[in-house]
Amino acid sequence: MENIIQLRVKIDCDINTAFDMFTENELLEGWLTNKAEVELKVGGKYELFWDPDNREDNSTIGCKTTGFEND
């Protein structure tokens, strides 16, 4: 079974800034999560941890990047 999350939002910034906000660990940790481990490559990690001391709970552990476009 595949778990796929799709979400569409409008963000008041340019496309490059929006891309960075979802793909750079430091930026993700500034607005979305307490700890981010993102490897920007196909098959790379996309793991977000809201409680880094309990990595198995309330996280996206095991998630991988399946593809991306950055124009």
Protein backbone atom coordinates (compact mmCIF):
# COMPACT_ATOMS: atom_id res chain seq x y z
CA MET A 1 0.00 0.00 0.00
CA GLU A 2 1.32 3.43 -0.94
CA ASN A 3 0.80 6.44 1.28
CA ILE A 4 0.80 9.59 -0.81
CA ILE A 5 0.22 13.06 0.54
CA GLN A 6 -0.74 15.77 -1.92
CA LEU A 7 -1.27 19.33 -0.79
CA ARG A 8 -1.72 22.56 -2.69
CA VAL A 9 -1.22 25.98 -1.09
CA LYS A 10 -0.55 29.48 -2.35
CA ILE A 11 2.60 31.02 -0.88
CA ASP A 12 3.36 34.73 -1.16
CA CYS A 13 6.96 34.45 -2.40
CA ASP A 14 8.87 33.65 -5.57
CA ILE A 15 9.11 30.04 -6.72
CA ASN A 16 12.80 29.64 -5.81
CA THR A 17 12.18 30.77 -2.22
CA ALA A 18 9.21 28.39 -1.93
CA PHE A 19 11.32 25.50 -3.25
CA ASP A 20 14.08 26.28 -0.75
CA MET A 21 11.59 26.46 2.15
CA PHE A 22 10.59 22.84 1.50
CA THR A 23 14.03 21.42 0.62
CA GLU A 24 16.63 23.06 2.87
CA ASN A 25 17.01 21.58 6.34
CA GLU A 26 17.70 24.87 8.11
CA LEU A 27 14.71 26.60 6.51
CA LEU A 28 12.35 23.69 7.28
CA GLU A 29 13.52 23.82 10.90
CA GLY A 30 12.66 27.51 10.99
CA TRP A 31 8.98 27.12 10.20
CA LEU A 32 7.71 23.53 10.00
CA THR A 33 9.60 21.05 12.14
CA ASN A 34 12.16 20.76 14.93
CA LYS A 35 14.59 18.59 12.94
CA ALA A 36 14.82 18.00 9.19
CA GLU A 37 16.94 15.48 7.29
CA VAL A 38 16.38 16.17 3.61
CA GLU A 39 18.69 14.92 0.86
CA LEU A 40 17.70 16.66 -2.35
CA LYS A 41 18.06 13.78 -4.80
CA VAL A 42 15.74 11.07 -6.09
CA GLY A 43 15.71 8.37 -3.43
CA GLY A 44 17.10 10.80 -0.83
CA LYS A 45 15.67 11.20 2.65
CA TYR A 46 12.72 13.50 3.32
CA GLU A 47 12.45 12.99 7.04
CA LEU A 48 10.91 15.55 9.39
CA PHE A 49 10.91 15.12 13.17
CA TRP A 50 8.62 17.08 15.47
CA ASP A 51 10.08 15.29 18.52
CA PRO A 52 13.72 14.51 17.62
CA ASP A 53 14.30 12.66 20.90
CA ASN A 54 11.59 10.16 19.90
CA ARG A 55 12.34 9.75 16.20
CA GLU A 56 9.85 6.92 15.70
CA ASP A 57 6.92 9.05 16.89
CA ASN A 58 5.36 12.00 15.06
CA SER A 59 7.74 12.01 12.10
CA THR A 60 8.05 11.24 8.42
CA ILE A 61 10.82 8.72 9.08
CA GLY A 62 11.42 6.50 6.06
CA CYS A 63 10.02 8.96 3.50
CA LYS A 64 12.03 9.38 0.31
CA THR A 65 12.07 11.95 -2.46
CA THR A 66 10.55 10.39 -5.58
CA GLY A 67 11.20 13.34 -7.90
CA PHE A 68 11.40 17.12 -8.07
CA GLU A 69 11.73 20.02 -10.49
CA ASN A 70 13.58 23.24 -9.80
CA ASP A 71 13.48 25.68 -12.70
